[in-house]
């Protein structure tokens, strides 16, 4: 808390008058204190589920929502004390919600693989599929007609040997076409 009393008072008055810059300066100066208060109080079982910065933002959102007449801080220390109390209450609410109730109890959580369910679908989304098809069309435009079939078979998941067998091309020819495709892809990303 390096700000002298006059500077602190000026910042608080400017914030109360609606200055976003003054609020940003207060947030910048005193968020570290809020983060330390959160980290001191956050239960180890909650750490994988909560980030201290989420609490910091929540604390500041609560402070900003207060009416101006409730935001009277005679010193930087009183502001830090207030912020620490708000942070402690936010952490206690999260702990009570996640550890103190049967409905949201962390002990009830089961990893997806352990639940016997299927893993999330890794198939591309429709927009990814369309973007991939567009990229393939651009690549195909750079290939001779006889080599476009190699690109089509690669897209379908065939190995180099399978492509050679199905197209009547030699394996080395397929590998040469694949190298050319890689070069074209590398040039497209540049």
N, C-alpha and C. Protein backbone atom coordinates (compact mmCIF):
# COMPACT_ATOMS: atom_id res chain seq x y z
N UNK A 1 0.84 -1.17 0.00
CA UNK A 1 0.00 0.00 0.00
C UNK A 1 0.88 1.23 0.00
N UNK A 2 1.38 1.57 -1.17
CA UNK A 2 2.34 2.66 -1.28
C UNK A 2 1.69 4.01 -1.49
N UNK A 3 0.39 4.06 -1.79
CA UNK A 3 -0.25 5.35 -2.05
C UNK A 3 -0.37 6.13 -0.76
N UNK A 4 -0.02 7.41 -0.81
CA UNK A 4 -0.19 8.24 0.38
C UNK A 4 -1.67 8.55 0.53
N UNK A 5 -2.06 9.09 1.70
CA UNK A 5 -3.47 9.34 2.00
C UNK A 5 -4.13 10.25 0.98
N UNK A 6 -3.46 11.32 0.55
CA UNK A 6 -4.03 12.25 -0.41
C UNK A 6 -4.30 11.60 -1.75
N UNK A 7 -3.36 10.82 -2.23
CA UNK A 7 -3.53 10.12 -3.50
C UNK A 7 -4.66 9.10 -3.41
N UNK A 8 -4.71 8.38 -2.30
CA UNK A 8 -5.77 7.39 -2.10
C UNK A 8 -7.13 8.08 -2.07
N UNK A 9 -7.25 9.16 -1.30
CA UNK A 9 -8.52 9.90 -1.22
C UNK A 9 -8.95 10.41 -2.60
N UNK A 10 -7.99 10.92 -3.39
CA UNK A 10 -8.30 11.41 -4.73
C UNK A 10 -8.84 10.28 -5.60
N UNK A 11 -8.20 9.11 -5.52
CA UNK A 11 -8.66 7.97 -6.32
C UNK A 11 -10.07 7.53 -5.93
N UNK A 12 -10.33 7.45 -4.63
CA UNK A 12 -11.65 7.01 -4.16
C UNK A 12 -12.72 8.02 -4.56
N UNK A 13 -12.43 9.31 -4.41
CA UNK A 13 -13.41 10.34 -4.81
C UNK A 13 -13.68 10.28 -6.32
N UNK A 14 -12.63 10.12 -7.10
CA UNK A 14 -12.79 10.04 -8.56
C UNK A 14 -13.61 8.80 -8.93
N UNK A 15 -13.35 7.68 -8.27
CA UNK A 15 -14.11 6.46 -8.52
C UNK A 15 -15.58 6.69 -8.20
N UNK A 16 -15.86 7.29 -7.03
CA UNK A 16 -17.24 7.56 -6.63
C UNK A 16 -17.93 8.51 -7.59
N UNK A 17 -17.15 9.37 -8.24
CA UNK A 17 -17.71 10.31 -9.22
C UNK A 17 -17.93 9.64 -10.58
N UNK A 18 -17.52 8.38 -10.70
CA UNK A 18 -17.77 7.63 -11.93
C UNK A 18 -16.57 7.47 -12.84
N UNK A 19 -15.37 7.75 -12.36
CA UNK A 19 -14.18 7.63 -13.19
C UNK A 19 -13.77 6.16 -13.33
N UNK A 20 -13.82 5.67 -14.55
CA UNK A 20 -13.37 4.31 -14.81
C UNK A 20 -11.87 4.17 -14.64
N UNK A 21 -11.14 5.23 -14.96
CA UNK A 21 -9.68 5.19 -14.82
C UNK A 21 -9.28 5.08 -13.35
N UNK A 22 -10.01 5.79 -12.48
CA UNK A 22 -9.71 5.71 -11.04
C UNK A 22 -10.02 4.31 -10.51
N UNK A 23 -11.12 3.74 -10.95
CA UNK A 23 -11.47 2.38 -10.53
C UNK A 23 -10.41 1.40 -11.02
N UNK A 24 -9.98 1.56 -12.27
CA UNK A 24 -8.94 0.67 -12.82
C UNK A 24 -7.66 0.78 -12.01
N UNK A 25 -7.32 1.98 -11.58
CA UNK A 25 -6.11 2.18 -10.76
C UNK A 25 -6.27 1.50 -9.39
N UNK A 26 -7.43 1.61 -8.79
CA UNK A 26 -7.67 0.94 -7.50
C UNK A 26 -7.61 -0.58 -7.67
N UNK A 27 -8.23 -1.09 -8.72
CA UNK A 27 -8.20 -2.52 -8.98
C UNK A 27 -6.76 -2.98 -9.18
N UNK A 28 -6.01 -2.22 -9.95
CA UNK A 28 -4.61 -2.57 -10.21
C UNK A 28 -3.79 -2.59 -8.92
N UNK A 29 -4.00 -1.60 -8.08
CA UNK A 29 -3.20 -1.48 -6.85
C UNK A 29 -3.56 -2.50 -5.78
N UNK A 30 -4.85 -2.84 -5.67
CA UNK A 30 -5.29 -3.61 -4.51
C UNK A 30 -5.78 -5.03 -4.82
N UNK A 31 -5.76 -5.45 -6.07
CA UNK A 31 -6.20 -6.81 -6.39
C UNK A 31 -5.25 -7.86 -5.83
N UNK A 32 -3.99 -7.54 -5.71
CA UNK A 32 -3.03 -8.48 -5.13
C UNK A 32 -3.40 -8.84 -3.70
N UNK A 33 -3.90 -7.87 -2.97
CA UNK A 33 -4.32 -8.13 -1.58
C UNK A 33 -5.54 -9.05 -1.56
N UNK A 34 -6.45 -8.84 -2.50
CA UNK A 34 -7.63 -9.70 -2.57
C UNK A 34 -7.20 -11.12 -2.91
N UNK A 35 -6.31 -11.26 -3.89
CA UNK A 35 -5.85 -12.58 -4.30
C UNK A 35 -5.19 -13.31 -3.12
N UNK A 36 -4.39 -12.60 -2.35
CA UNK A 36 -3.75 -13.24 -1.18
C UNK A 36 -4.79 -13.69 -0.17
N UNK A 37 -5.82 -12.87 0.04
CA UNK A 37 -6.88 -13.24 0.99
C UNK A 37 -7.62 -14.49 0.50
N UNK A 38 -7.85 -14.56 -0.80
CA UNK A 38 -8.53 -15.73 -1.36
C UNK A 38 -7.67 -16.97 -1.20
N UNK A 39 -6.40 -16.86 -1.55
CA UNK A 39 -5.51 -18.02 -1.49
C UNK A 39 -5.32 -18.52 -0.06
N UNK A 40 -5.37 -17.63 0.91
CA UNK A 40 -5.24 -18.07 2.30
C UNK A 40 -6.45 -18.88 2.74
N UNK A 41 -7.60 -18.58 2.19
CA UNK A 41 -8.83 -19.19 2.69
C UNK A 41 -9.39 -20.30 1.81
N UNK A 42 -8.92 -20.43 0.59
CA UNK A 42 -9.50 -21.41 -0.33
C UNK A 42 -9.09 -22.83 0.06
N UNK A 43 -10.06 -23.66 0.30
CA UNK A 43 -9.84 -25.06 0.69
C UNK A 43 -9.13 -25.80 -0.44
N UNK A 44 -8.20 -26.67 -0.08
CA UNK A 44 -7.43 -27.43 -1.07
C UNK A 44 -8.32 -28.25 -2.00
N UNK A 45 -9.44 -28.72 -1.51
CA UNK A 45 -10.35 -29.52 -2.34
C UNK A 45 -11.03 -28.67 -3.41
N UNK A 46 -11.07 -27.35 -3.20
CA UNK A 46 -11.72 -26.47 -4.16
C UNK A 46 -10.76 -25.90 -5.19
N UNK A 47 -9.47 -25.99 -4.92
CA UNK A 47 -8.48 -25.37 -5.83
C UNK A 47 -8.56 -25.88 -7.27
N UNK A 48 -8.81 -27.17 -7.52
CA UNK A 48 -8.92 -27.59 -8.92
C UNK A 48 -10.16 -27.02 -9.63
N UNK A 49 -11.13 -26.54 -8.86
CA UNK A 49 -12.39 -26.08 -9.42
C UNK A 49 -12.51 -24.57 -9.51
N UNK A 50 -11.69 -23.86 -8.77
CA UNK A 50 -11.78 -22.40 -8.72
C UNK A 50 -10.39 -21.79 -8.92
N UNK A 51 -10.39 -20.68 -9.61
CA UNK A 51 -9.18 -19.90 -9.80
C UNK A 51 -9.29 -18.66 -8.91
N UNK A 52 -8.23 -18.29 -8.25
CA UNK A 52 -8.30 -17.14 -7.35
C UNK A 52 -8.66 -15.86 -8.10
N UNK A 53 -8.29 -15.78 -9.36
CA UNK A 53 -8.64 -14.58 -10.13
C UNK A 53 -10.15 -14.47 -10.36
N UNK A 54 -10.85 -15.58 -10.40
CA UNK A 54 -12.31 -15.53 -10.50
C UNK A 54 -12.91 -14.87 -9.26
N UNK A 55 -12.36 -15.22 -8.12
CA UNK A 55 -12.82 -14.60 -6.88
C UNK A 55 -12.48 -13.12 -6.86
N UNK A 56 -11.30 -12.76 -7.34
CA UNK A 56 -10.89 -11.35 -7.37
C UNK A 56 -11.89 -10.55 -8.20
N UNK A 57 -12.24 -11.05 -9.36
CA UNK A 57 -13.22 -10.36 -10.20
C UNK A 57 -14.57 -10.28 -9.52
N UNK A 58 -14.96 -11.34 -8.86
CA UNK A 58 -16.24 -11.36 -8.17
C UNK A 58 -16.27 -10.35 -7.03
N UNK A 59 -15.16 -10.24 -6.30
CA UNK A 59 -15.07 -9.26 -5.21
C UNK A 59 -15.22 -7.85 -5.76
N UNK A 60 -14.48 -7.53 -6.81
CA UNK A 60 -14.55 -6.18 -7.37
C UNK A 60 -15.94 -5.91 -7.95
N UNK A 61 -16.56 -6.90 -8.54
CA UNK A 61 -17.92 -6.71 -9.07
C UNK A 61 -18.87 -6.38 -7.93
N UNK A 62 -18.72 -7.02 -6.79
CA UNK A 62 -19.56 -6.73 -5.63
C UNK A 62 -19.30 -5.34 -5.10
N UNK A 63 -18.05 -4.94 -5.05
CA UNK A 63 -17.69 -3.61 -4.53
C UNK A 63 -18.24 -2.53 -5.45
N UNK A 64 -18.10 -2.71 -6.75
CA UNK A 64 -18.58 -1.71 -7.71
C UNK A 64 -20.10 -1.58 -7.65
N UNK A 65 -20.79 -2.67 -7.33
CA UNK A 65 -22.25 -2.65 -7.27
C UNK A 65 -22.78 -1.93 -6.03
N UNK A 66 -21.93 -1.67 -5.05
CA UNK A 66 -22.37 -0.99 -3.84
C UNK A 66 -22.71 0.47 -4.13
N UNK A 67 -23.70 1.01 -3.42
CA UNK A 67 -23.97 2.45 -3.57
C UNK A 67 -22.77 3.26 -3.09
N UNK A 68 -22.58 4.43 -3.67
CA UNK A 68 -21.42 5.27 -3.37
C UNK A 68 -21.34 5.62 -1.89
N UNK A 69 -22.48 5.79 -1.22
CA UNK A 69 -22.44 6.17 0.20
C UNK A 69 -21.94 5.04 1.09
N UNK A 70 -21.93 3.80 0.59
CA UNK A 70 -21.41 2.68 1.36
C UNK A 70 -19.93 2.44 1.11
N UNK A 71 -19.34 3.20 0.21
CA UNK A 71 -17.93 3.03 -0.16
C UNK A 71 -17.10 4.17 0.41
N UNK A 72 -17.12 4.31 1.70
CA UNK A 72 -16.31 5.34 2.36
C UNK A 72 -15.14 4.65 3.03
N UNK A 73 -13.97 4.93 2.54
CA UNK A 73 -12.76 4.30 3.05
C UNK A 73 -11.80 5.41 3.46
N UNK A 74 -11.60 5.58 4.77
CA UNK A 74 -10.72 6.66 5.22
C UNK A 74 -9.24 6.43 4.89
N UNK A 75 -8.88 5.17 4.61
CA UNK A 75 -7.47 4.89 4.31
C UNK A 75 -7.39 3.67 3.40
N UNK A 76 -6.22 3.49 2.83
CA UNK A 76 -5.98 2.32 1.99
C UNK A 76 -6.13 1.04 2.81
N UNK A 77 -5.70 1.09 4.06
CA UNK A 77 -5.82 -0.09 4.93
C UNK A 77 -7.27 -0.48 5.14
N UNK A 78 -8.16 0.51 5.27
CA UNK A 78 -9.57 0.18 5.47
C UNK A 78 -10.15 -0.44 4.20
N UNK A 79 -9.74 0.02 3.02
CA UNK A 79 -10.19 -0.60 1.78
C UNK A 79 -9.69 -2.03 1.68
N UNK A 80 -8.42 -2.25 2.00
CA UNK A 80 -7.85 -3.60 1.94
C UNK A 80 -8.57 -4.52 2.93
N UNK A 81 -8.87 -4.03 4.12
CA UNK A 81 -9.60 -4.83 5.10
C UNK A 81 -11.00 -5.19 4.60
N UNK A 82 -11.67 -4.21 3.99
CA UNK A 82 -13.00 -4.46 3.44
C UNK A 82 -12.93 -5.49 2.32
N UNK A 83 -11.99 -5.33 1.40
CA UNK A 83 -11.84 -6.27 0.30
C UNK A 83 -11.53 -7.67 0.81
N UNK A 84 -10.70 -7.78 1.83
CA UNK A 84 -10.36 -9.09 2.40
C UNK A 84 -11.59 -9.75 3.02
N UNK A 85 -12.45 -8.94 3.68
CA UNK A 85 -13.68 -9.51 4.26
C UNK A 85 -14.64 -9.99 3.16
N UNK A 86 -14.77 -9.19 2.12
CA UNK A 86 -15.63 -9.61 1.00
C UNK A 86 -15.08 -10.89 0.37
N UNK A 87 -13.76 -10.96 0.18
CA UNK A 87 -13.13 -12.15 -0.39
C UNK A 87 -13.37 -13.36 0.50
N UNK A 88 -13.22 -13.19 1.80
CA UNK A 88 -13.44 -14.30 2.73
C UNK A 88 -14.88 -14.80 2.64
N UNK A 89 -15.82 -13.87 2.51
CA UNK A 89 -17.23 -14.26 2.39
C UNK A 89 -17.49 -15.01 1.08
N UNK A 90 -16.88 -14.55 0.00
CA UNK A 90 -17.05 -15.22 -1.30
C UNK A 90 -16.49 -16.65 -1.25
N UNK A 91 -15.32 -16.81 -0.66
CA UNK A 91 -14.71 -18.14 -0.55
C UNK A 91 -15.55 -19.02 0.37
N UNK A 92 -16.04 -18.47 1.46
CA UNK A 92 -16.88 -19.25 2.37
C UNK A 92 -18.17 -19.69 1.68
N UNK A 93 -18.76 -18.80 0.88
CA UNK A 93 -19.98 -19.18 0.14
C UNK A 93 -19.70 -20.32 -0.83
N UNK A 94 -18.56 -20.25 -1.53
CA UNK A 94 -18.20 -21.32 -2.48
C UNK A 94 -17.97 -22.63 -1.74
N UNK A 95 -17.29 -22.56 -0.61
CA UNK A 95 -17.02 -23.77 0.18
C UNK A 95 -18.32 -24.37 0.70
N UNK A 96 -19.18 -23.52 1.19
CA UNK A 96 -20.46 -23.99 1.71
C UNK A 96 -21.27 -24.63 0.58
N UNK A 97 -21.25 -24.02 -0.57
CA UNK A 97 -22.01 -24.53 -1.71
C UNK A 97 -21.46 -25.86 -2.22
N UNK A 98 -20.14 -25.97 -2.33
CA UNK A 98 -19.54 -27.16 -2.95
C UNK A 98 -19.18 -28.25 -1.95
N UNK A 99 -19.00 -27.90 -0.70
CA UNK A 99 -18.57 -28.91 0.27
C UNK A 99 -19.63 -29.20 1.33
N UNK A 100 -20.57 -28.28 1.50
CA UNK A 100 -21.52 -28.42 2.60
C UNK A 100 -22.89 -28.91 2.20
N UNK A 101 -23.12 -29.11 0.91
CA UNK A 101 -24.44 -29.58 0.49
C UNK A 101 -24.30 -30.90 -0.25
N UNK A 102 -25.29 -31.74 -0.12
CA UNK A 102 -25.24 -33.05 -0.77
C UNK A 102 -25.40 -32.91 -2.29
N UNK A 103 -26.16 -31.90 -2.72
CA UNK A 103 -26.45 -31.77 -4.14
C UNK A 103 -25.21 -31.41 -4.97
N UNK A 104 -24.35 -30.56 -4.45
CA UNK A 104 -23.17 -30.11 -5.19
C UNK A 104 -21.87 -30.62 -4.58
N UNK A 105 -21.95 -31.63 -3.75
CA UNK A 105 -20.77 -32.13 -3.05
C UNK A 105 -19.73 -32.64 -4.04
N UNK A 106 -18.49 -32.19 -3.87
CA UNK A 106 -17.40 -32.60 -4.75
C UNK A 106 -17.14 -34.10 -4.69
N UNK A 107 -17.45 -34.72 -3.56
CA UNK A 107 -17.21 -36.15 -3.42
C UNK A 107 -18.10 -36.97 -4.36
N UNK A 108 -19.17 -36.37 -4.84
CA UNK A 108 -20.08 -37.07 -5.75
C UNK A 108 -19.58 -37.05 -7.19
N UNK A 109 -18.62 -36.19 -7.49
CA UNK A 109 -18.14 -36.10 -8.87
C UNK A 109 -17.34 -37.33 -9.23
N UNK A 110 -17.58 -37.82 -10.45
CA UNK A 110 -16.91 -39.00 -10.96
C UNK A 110 -16.33 -38.64 -12.32
N UNK A 111 -15.11 -39.06 -12.55
CA UNK A 111 -14.49 -38.80 -13.85
C UNK A 111 -15.27 -39.52 -14.93
N UNK A 112 -15.30 -38.94 -16.10
CA UNK A 112 -16.07 -39.50 -17.20
C UNK A 112 -15.63 -40.92 -17.53
N UNK A 113 -14.32 -41.16 -17.57
CA UNK A 113 -13.83 -42.50 -17.90
C UNK A 113 -14.25 -43.51 -16.84
N UNK A 114 -14.31 -43.09 -15.58
CA UNK A 114 -14.70 -43.97 -14.49
C UNK A 114 -16.20 -44.21 -14.43
N UNK A 115 -16.96 -43.40 -15.11
CA UNK A 115 -18.41 -43.52 -15.05
C UNK A 115 -18.95 -44.55 -16.03
N UNK A 116 -18.08 -45.06 -16.89
CA UNK A 116 -18.52 -46.04 -17.85
C UNK A 116 -19.18 -45.43 -19.07
N UNK A 117 -19.24 -44.11 -19.13
CA UNK A 117 -19.85 -43.44 -20.28
C UNK A 117 -18.87 -43.31 -21.42
N UNK A 118 -19.39 -42.92 -22.55
CA UNK A 118 -18.55 -42.73 -23.71
C UNK A 118 -17.79 -41.41 -23.58
N UNK A 119 -16.64 -41.37 -24.19
CA UNK A 119 -15.86 -40.14 -24.22
C UNK A 119 -16.57 -39.13 -25.11
N UNK A 120 -16.29 -37.84 -24.89
CA UNK A 120 -16.93 -36.83 -25.74
C UNK A 120 -16.58 -37.07 -27.20
N UNK A 121 -17.48 -36.70 -28.06
CA UNK A 121 -17.30 -36.89 -29.50
C UNK A 121 -16.15 -36.03 -30.00
N UNK A 122 -15.20 -36.66 -30.69
CA UNK A 122 -14.06 -35.93 -31.22
C UNK A 122 -14.23 -35.62 -32.70
N UNK A 123 -15.39 -35.92 -33.24
CA UNK A 123 -15.65 -35.63 -34.65
C UNK A 123 -15.64 -34.12 -34.86
N UNK A 124 -15.21 -33.69 -36.02
CA UNK A 124 -15.18 -32.24 -36.26
C UNK A 124 -16.59 -31.66 -36.30
N UNK A 125 -16.68 -30.40 -35.91
CA UNK A 125 -17.96 -29.72 -35.97
C UNK A 125 -18.29 -29.44 -37.44
N UNK A 126 -19.52 -29.10 -37.75
CA UNK A 126 -19.86 -28.80 -39.14
C UNK A 126 -19.00 -27.68 -39.74
N UNK A 127 -18.70 -26.66 -38.95
CA UNK A 127 -17.87 -25.57 -39.48
C UNK A 127 -16.43 -26.05 -39.72
N UNK A 128 -15.92 -26.92 -38.84
CA UNK A 128 -14.59 -27.46 -39.06
C UNK A 128 -14.57 -28.36 -40.30
N UNK A 129 -15.64 -29.12 -40.48
CA UNK A 129 -15.73 -30.00 -41.64
C UNK A 129 -15.73 -29.15 -42.92
N UNK A 130 -16.51 -28.07 -42.94
CA UNK A 130 -16.57 -27.21 -44.12
C UNK A 130 -15.23 -26.54 -44.38
N UNK A 131 -14.56 -26.07 -43.32
CA UNK A 131 -13.25 -25.45 -43.49
C UNK A 131 -12.23 -26.46 -44.02
N UNK A 132 -12.30 -27.69 -43.56
CA UNK A 132 -11.41 -28.74 -44.03
C UNK A 132 -11.65 -29.07 -45.50
N UNK A 133 -12.91 -29.12 -45.87
CA UNK A 133 -13.22 -29.37 -47.28
C UNK A 133 -12.74 -28.24 -48.17
N UNK A 134 -12.87 -27.00 -47.69
CA UNK A 134 -12.36 -25.85 -48.46
C UNK A 134 -10.85 -25.95 -48.63
N UNK A 135 -10.15 -26.31 -47.56
CA UNK A 135 -8.69 -26.43 -47.63
C UNK A 135 -8.29 -27.54 -48.59
N UNK A 136 -9.01 -28.66 -48.56
CA UNK A 136 -8.72 -29.76 -49.48
C UNK A 136 -8.96 -29.33 -50.93
N UNK A 137 -9.99 -28.57 -51.17
CA UNK A 137 -10.27 -28.10 -52.53
C UNK A 137 -9.15 -27.18 -53.03
N UNK A 138 -8.65 -26.32 -52.15
CA UNK A 138 -7.53 -25.45 -52.53
C UNK A 138 -6.28 -26.26 -52.84
N UNK A 139 -6.03 -27.30 -52.04
CA UNK A 139 -4.88 -28.16 -52.30
C UNK A 139 -5.05 -28.91 -53.62
N UNK A 140 -6.24 -29.42 -53.86
CA UNK A 140 -6.48 -30.20 -55.07
C UNK A 140 -6.27 -29.34 -56.31
N UNK A 141 -6.53 -28.05 -56.22
CA UNK A 141 -6.35 -27.16 -57.37
C UNK A 141 -4.89 -27.08 -57.80
N UNK A 142 -3.95 -27.38 -56.89
CA UNK A 142 -2.51 -27.32 -57.18
C UNK A 142 -1.96 -28.65 -57.67
N UNK A 143 -2.80 -29.66 -57.76
CA UNK A 143 -2.33 -31.00 -58.15
C UNK A 143 -2.80 -31.36 -59.54
N UNK A 144 -2.01 -32.15 -60.25
CA UNK A 144 -2.51 -32.69 -61.52
C UNK A 144 -3.69 -33.62 -61.24
N UNK A 145 -4.57 -33.74 -62.21
CA UNK A 145 -5.80 -34.53 -62.04
C UNK A 145 -5.51 -35.96 -61.58
N UNK A 146 -4.44 -36.57 -62.07
CA UNK A 146 -4.12 -37.94 -61.69
C UNK A 146 -3.69 -38.08 -60.24
N UNK A 147 -3.24 -37.00 -59.63
CA UNK A 147 -2.77 -37.07 -58.25
C UNK A 147 -3.85 -36.66 -57.24
N UNK A 148 -4.94 -36.10 -57.72
CA UNK A 148 -6.01 -35.70 -56.80
C UNK A 148 -6.63 -36.91 -56.11
N UNK A 149 -6.59 -38.05 -56.78
CA UNK A 149 -7.12 -39.28 -56.19
C UNK A 149 -6.32 -39.65 -54.94
N UNK A 150 -5.02 -39.35 -54.93
CA UNK A 150 -4.19 -39.62 -53.75
C UNK A 150 -4.71 -38.79 -52.57
N UNK A 151 -4.99 -37.52 -52.83
CA UNK A 151 -5.53 -36.64 -51.79
C UNK A 151 -6.86 -37.17 -51.27
N UNK A 152 -7.72 -37.61 -52.17
CA UNK A 152 -9.02 -38.15 -51.77
C UNK A 152 -8.87 -39.39 -50.88
N UNK A 153 -7.94 -40.27 -51.24
CA UNK A 153 -7.74 -41.49 -50.46
C UNK A 153 -7.10 -41.17 -49.09
N UNK A 154 -6.22 -40.19 -49.06
CA UNK A 154 -5.65 -39.78 -47.77
C UNK A 154 -6.76 -39.26 -46.85
N UNK A 155 -7.64 -38.47 -47.41
CA UNK A 155 -8.76 -37.94 -46.63
C UNK A 155 -9.62 -39.07 -46.09
N UNK A 156 -9.74 -40.15 -46.86
CA UNK A 156 -10.55 -41.29 -46.43
C UNK A 156 -9.83 -42.19 -45.43
N UNK A 157 -8.55 -41.91 -45.16
CA UNK A 157 -7.82 -42.65 -44.13
C UNK A 157 -6.99 -43.81 -44.62
N UNK A 158 -6.77 -43.93 -45.92
CA UNK A 158 -5.97 -45.03 -46.45
C UNK A 158 -4.49 -44.77 -46.21
N UNK A 159 -3.72 -45.86 -46.04
CA UNK A 159 -2.26 -45.76 -45.90
C UNK A 159 -1.64 -45.56 -47.28
N UNK A 160 -0.36 -45.21 -47.32
CA UNK A 160 0.33 -45.02 -48.61
C UNK A 160 0.29 -46.30 -49.44
N UNK A 161 0.53 -47.43 -48.80
CA UNK A 161 0.52 -48.71 -49.54
C UNK A 161 -0.87 -49.02 -50.08
N UNK A 162 -1.91 -48.77 -49.30
CA UNK A 162 -3.27 -49.02 -49.75
C UNK A 162 -3.64 -48.10 -50.93
N UNK A 163 -3.20 -46.85 -50.85
CA UNK A 163 -3.46 -45.91 -51.95
C UNK A 163 -2.78 -46.40 -53.22
N UNK A 164 -1.51 -46.82 -53.10
CA UNK A 164 -0.77 -47.31 -54.27
C UNK A 164 -1.48 -48.52 -54.87
N UNK A 165 -1.93 -49.41 -54.02
CA UNK A 165 -2.61 -50.62 -54.50
C UNK A 165 -3.92 -50.28 -55.20
N UNK A 166 -4.70 -49.37 -54.67
CA UNK A 166 -6.01 -49.04 -55.21
C UNK A 166 -5.94 -48.16 -56.46
N UNK A 167 -4.86 -47.36 -56.58
CA UNK A 167 -4.78 -46.43 -57.71
C UNK A 167 -3.88 -46.92 -58.83
N UNK A 168 -3.08 -47.93 -58.56
CA UNK A 168 -2.15 -48.42 -59.56
C UNK A 168 -0.87 -47.60 -59.62
N UNK A 169 -0.71 -46.64 -58.72
CA UNK A 169 0.52 -45.86 -58.64
C UNK A 169 1.53 -46.60 -57.80
N UNK A 170 2.79 -46.27 -57.93
CA UNK A 170 3.81 -46.85 -57.07
C UNK A 170 3.79 -46.18 -55.70
N UNK A 171 4.27 -46.91 -54.70
CA UNK A 171 4.31 -46.36 -53.35
C UNK A 171 5.16 -45.10 -53.32
N UNK A 172 6.29 -45.09 -54.06
CA UNK A 172 7.15 -43.90 -54.09
C UNK A 172 6.43 -42.70 -54.71
N UNK A 173 5.62 -42.95 -55.71
CA UNK A 173 4.85 -41.87 -56.33
C UNK A 173 3.85 -41.30 -55.31
N UNK A 174 3.19 -42.19 -54.59
CA UNK A 174 2.25 -41.74 -53.55
C UNK A 174 3.00 -40.91 -52.51
N UNK A 175 4.16 -41.39 -52.07
CA UNK A 175 4.93 -40.65 -51.07
C UNK A 175 5.38 -39.30 -51.61
N UNK A 176 5.73 -39.23 -52.91
CA UNK A 176 6.13 -37.96 -53.51
C UNK A 176 4.96 -36.99 -53.52
N UNK A 177 3.77 -37.48 -53.86
CA UNK A 177 2.57 -36.63 -53.86
C UNK A 177 2.27 -36.14 -52.44
N UNK A 178 2.43 -37.00 -51.47
CA UNK A 178 2.19 -36.63 -50.07
C UNK A 178 3.18 -35.54 -49.64
N UNK A 179 4.47 -35.69 -50.04
CA UNK A 179 5.45 -34.64 -49.71
C UNK A 179 5.06 -33.31 -50.35
N UNK A 180 4.59 -33.38 -51.60
CA UNK A 180 4.16 -32.15 -52.28
C UNK A 180 2.98 -31.53 -51.54
N UNK A 181 2.06 -32.36 -51.09
CA UNK A 181 0.92 -31.85 -50.31
C UNK A 181 1.39 -31.16 -49.03
N UNK A 182 2.34 -31.79 -48.36
CA UNK A 182 2.89 -31.18 -47.14
C UNK A 182 3.53 -29.85 -47.43
N UNK A 183 4.28 -29.76 -48.54
CA UNK A 183 4.90 -28.49 -48.93
C UNK A 183 3.83 -27.43 -49.23
N UNK A 184 2.77 -27.84 -49.91
CA UNK A 184 1.70 -26.89 -50.21
C UNK A 184 0.99 -26.43 -48.95
N UNK A 185 0.78 -27.34 -48.02
CA UNK A 185 0.14 -26.98 -46.75
C UNK A 185 1.03 -26.01 -45.99
N UNK A 186 2.34 -26.28 -45.97
CA UNK A 186 3.27 -25.39 -45.27
C UNK A 186 3.29 -24.01 -45.90
N UNK A 187 3.19 -23.93 -47.22
CA UNK A 187 3.19 -22.65 -47.91
C UNK A 187 1.90 -21.88 -47.70
N UNK A 188 0.80 -22.62 -47.51
CA UNK A 188 -0.50 -21.98 -47.32
C UNK A 188 -0.57 -21.32 -45.95
N UNK A 189 0.06 -21.93 -44.93
CA UNK A 189 0.01 -21.38 -43.58
C UNK A 189 0.87 -20.16 -43.42
N UNK A 190 1.82 -19.92 -44.36
CA UNK A 190 2.73 -18.79 -44.22
C UNK A 190 2.07 -17.51 -44.63
